[in-house]
Amino acid sequence: METKKLVMGALVVFVLFVIITEPVKAADLVLLGFQGISDAAHAIGAFMTELVR
């Protein structure tokens, strides 16, 4: 349990460090993540539509 807390704390510190030192790059990564989620949702919707037909 202690290792999990340590890893999560290190991850939070790393994310904050990246956001503070390179905000443009961090914003690009967030945009990329949301674009991937959007593409996946679109693909699932298209699959379900074709499945119903």
Protein backbone atom coordinates (compact mmCIF):
# COMPACT_ATOMS: atom_id res chain seq x y z
CA MET A 1 0.00 0.00 0.00
CA GLU A 2 2.86 2.38 0.83
CA THR A 3 4.46 1.77 -2.58
CA LYS A 4 1.21 2.67 -4.33
CA LYS A 5 1.05 5.99 -2.45
CA LEU A 6 4.67 6.72 -3.33
CA VAL A 7 4.15 5.99 -7.03
CA MET A 8 0.96 8.08 -7.17
CA GLY A 9 2.69 10.97 -5.41
CA ALA A 10 5.62 10.82 -7.85
CA LEU A 11 3.20 10.75 -10.78
CA VAL A 12 1.35 13.82 -9.49
CA VAL A 13 4.62 15.70 -8.97
CA PHE A 14 5.77 14.76 -12.48
CA VAL A 15 2.50 15.91 -14.07
CA LEU A 16 2.62 19.22 -12.20
CA PHE A 17 6.26 19.68 -13.21
CA VAL A 18 5.43 19.15 -16.90
CA ILE A 19 2.44 21.51 -16.72
CA ILE A 20 4.50 24.25 -15.05
CA THR A 21 7.63 23.93 -17.19
CA GLU A 22 6.02 23.25 -20.58
CA PRO A 23 2.37 24.34 -20.60
CA VAL A 24 2.06 24.30 -24.40
CA LYS A 25 3.33 20.73 -24.64
CA ALA A 26 1.05 19.68 -21.76
CA ALA A 27 -1.94 21.25 -23.51
CA ASP A 28 -1.04 19.42 -26.72
CA LEU A 29 -0.93 16.11 -24.83
CA VAL A 30 -4.34 16.77 -23.25
CA LEU A 31 -5.76 17.66 -26.67
CA LEU A 32 -4.29 14.47 -28.10
CA GLY A 33 -5.89 12.44 -25.32
CA PHE A 34 -9.32 13.98 -25.84
CA GLN A 35 -9.00 13.48 -29.61
CA GLY A 36 -8.24 9.79 -29.02
CA ILE A 37 -11.28 9.43 -26.76
CA SER A 38 -13.44 11.19 -29.35
CA ASP A 39 -12.19 8.96 -32.15
CA ALA A 40 -12.81 5.84 -30.06
CA ALA A 41 -16.37 6.95 -29.24
CA HIS A 42 -17.02 7.67 -32.92
CA ALA A 43 -15.71 4.25 -33.92
CA ILE A 44 -17.88 2.51 -31.31
CA GLY A 45 -20.91 4.46 -32.53
CA ALA A 46 -20.23 3.51 -36.14
CA PHE A 47 -19.77 -0.14 -35.14
CA MET A 48 -23.07 -0.20 -33.22
CA THR A 49 -24.87 1.50 -36.12
CA GLU A 50 -23.62 -1.12 -38.56
CA LEU A 51 -24.41 -3.89 -36.10
CA VAL A 52 -28.06 -2.77 -35.89
CA ARG A 53 -28.46 -2.59 -39.69
